[in-house]
Amino acid sequence: QVQLVESGGGLVQPGGSLRLSCAASGSIFHIRVMGWYRQAPGKQRELVASINSGRSTTYGDSVKGRVAISRDEATNTVYLQLNALKPEDTAVYFCHADLHDWTYYKDYWGQGTQVTVSS
């Protein structure tokens, strides 16, 4: 079994910063992509950022220039640095991994961590 465990969410004031972490554990052969998505109430889930095994990154249009994603392959951990946060960044942030679990490549999701931007 594979688990994605997120941490680092919380309440932050507009203009503030947060760092989210997600550690993948379990029966993992190879991780192709790790990333973060978010879902606000009444909205569709959207990509925040992703990073592949070659360290190429992709960012959502709504967060470009304000976030940075990084990955520690030794610990199967992905980090998301969120800066200059705005109230519209309020959402549940989900970790995602496209990985091979010794059977075939599958999508895995974390349970989500709440980020609230409010004064």
Protein backbone atom coordinates (compact mmCIF):
# COMPACT_ATOMS: atom_id res chain seq x y z
CA GLN A 1 0.00 0.00 0.00
CA VAL A 2 0.99 3.58 -0.62
CA GLN A 3 0.21 6.57 1.56
CA LEU A 4 0.60 10.28 0.95
CA VAL A 5 0.72 12.27 4.17
CA GLU A 6 0.43 16.06 3.99
CA SER A 7 1.34 18.66 6.58
CA GLY A 8 1.79 22.39 6.88
CA GLY A 9 -1.65 23.85 6.24
CA GLY A 10 -3.28 26.42 8.46
CA LEU A 11 -4.48 29.96 8.83
CA VAL A 12 -2.34 32.77 7.44
CA GLN A 13 -2.86 36.47 6.87
CA PRO A 14 -2.96 37.94 3.37
CA GLY A 15 0.56 38.48 2.12
CA GLY A 16 1.90 35.71 4.32
CA SER A 17 3.64 32.45 3.49
CA LEU A 18 3.18 28.76 4.14
CA ARG A 19 5.15 25.66 3.35
CA LEU A 20 3.31 22.43 2.66
CA SER A 21 4.95 19.01 2.79
CA CYS A 22 3.83 15.66 1.46
CA ALA A 23 5.62 12.40 2.12
CA ALA A 24 4.91 9.27 0.10
CA SER A 25 5.51 5.95 1.79
CA GLY A 26 4.83 2.28 1.25
CA SER A 27 5.34 0.00 -1.71
CA ILE A 28 6.92 2.44 -4.18
CA PHE A 29 9.08 1.44 -7.13
CA HIS A 30 9.26 4.75 -8.94
CA ILE A 31 7.57 8.15 -8.76
CA ARG A 32 7.06 9.91 -12.09
CA VAL A 33 5.33 13.05 -10.88
CA MET A 34 4.46 14.59 -7.53
CA GLY A 35 2.41 17.69 -7.13
CA TRP A 36 -0.28 19.71 -5.47
CA TYR A 37 -3.85 20.45 -6.45
CA ARG A 38 -6.38 22.57 -4.61
CA GLN A 39 -10.13 22.74 -4.38
CA ALA A 40 -12.11 25.67 -3.05
CA PRO A 41 -15.78 25.34 -2.06
CA GLY A 42 -17.99 25.19 -5.13
CA LYS A 43 -15.03 25.05 -7.51
CA GLN A 44 -13.27 22.34 -9.46
CA ARG A 45 -9.99 20.90 -8.33
CA GLU A 46 -7.12 22.71 -10.05
CA LEU A 47 -3.40 22.20 -10.45
CA VAL A 48 -1.19 24.31 -8.22
CA ALA A 49 2.20 22.84 -9.12
CA SER A 50 3.88 19.60 -10.10
CA ILE A 51 7.41 18.29 -10.48
CA ASN A 52 8.55 15.22 -12.36
CA SER A 53 11.44 12.84 -11.86
CA GLY A 54 13.58 15.02 -14.12
CA ARG A 55 12.78 18.00 -11.86
CA SER A 56 10.79 19.78 -14.54
CA THR A 57 8.06 21.88 -12.96
CA THR A 58 4.60 23.04 -13.98
CA TYR A 59 2.65 25.80 -12.25
CA GLY A 60 -0.99 26.78 -12.38
CA ASP A 61 -1.68 30.17 -13.93
CA SER A 62 -3.29 31.51 -10.77
CA VAL A 63 -0.17 30.96 -8.65
CA LYS A 64 2.71 31.54 -11.06
CA GLY A 65 5.39 33.71 -9.51
CA ARG A 66 4.09 33.13 -5.98
CA VAL A 67 4.80 29.45 -5.38
CA ALA A 68 7.73 27.09 -5.67
CA ILE A 69 7.69 23.31 -5.71
CA SER A 70 10.62 21.11 -4.82
CA ARG A 71 11.20 17.43 -4.28
CA ASP A 72 13.47 15.25 -2.17
CA GLU A 73 13.76 11.96 -4.01
CA ALA A 74 15.63 10.31 -1.16
CA THR A 75 12.60 10.64 1.12
CA ASN A 76 9.86 10.74 -1.54
CA THR A 77 8.79 14.12 -0.20
CA VAL A 78 7.46 17.08 -2.13
CA TYR A 79 7.34 20.62 -0.78
CA LEU A 80 5.20 23.57 -1.81
CA GLN A 81 6.27 27.05 -0.77
CA LEU A 82 3.36 29.47 -0.96
CA ASN A 83 4.17 33.19 -0.85
CA ALA A 84 2.21 36.43 -1.11
CA LEU A 85 -0.94 34.53 -0.23
CA LYS A 86 -4.32 35.97 -1.14
CA PRO A 87 -7.79 35.20 0.22
CA GLU A 88 -8.58 33.47 -3.07
CA ASP A 89 -5.85 30.93 -2.28
CA THR A 90 -8.10 29.57 0.45
CA ALA A 91 -8.78 25.92 -0.39
CA VAL A 92 -8.07 22.35 0.56
CA TYR A 93 -4.70 21.44 -0.89
CA PHE A 94 -4.24 17.84 -2.03
CA CYS A 95 -0.98 16.07 -2.65
CA HIS A 96 -0.83 13.90 -5.77
CA ALA A 97 1.63 11.31 -6.98
CA ASP A 98 1.82 9.39 -10.23
CA LEU A 99 3.83 6.38 -9.16
CA HIS A 100 4.63 2.74 -9.81
CA ASP A 101 3.69 0.59 -6.83
CA TRP A 102 5.38 -2.57 -8.13
CA THR A 103 2.28 -3.37 -10.21
CA TYR A 104 1.85 -0.46 -12.59
CA TYR A 105 1.68 3.34 -12.57
CA LYS A 106 -1.30 4.74 -10.67
CA ASP A 107 -2.54 8.05 -9.28
CA TYR A 108 -2.49 8.46 -5.52
CA TRP A 109 -3.95 11.31 -3.46
CA GLY A 110 -3.44 12.59 0.04
CA GLN A 111 -6.28 13.36 2.40
CA GLY A 112 -5.94 17.11 1.92
CA THR A 113 -4.81 19.97 4.13
CA GLN A 114 -6.76 23.18 4.65
CA VAL A 115 -5.16 26.51 3.81
CA THR A 116 -7.11 29.57 4.91
CA VAL A 117 -5.97 33.08 4.02
CA SER A 118 -7.77 35.65 6.10
CA SER A 119 -7.15 38.66 8.27
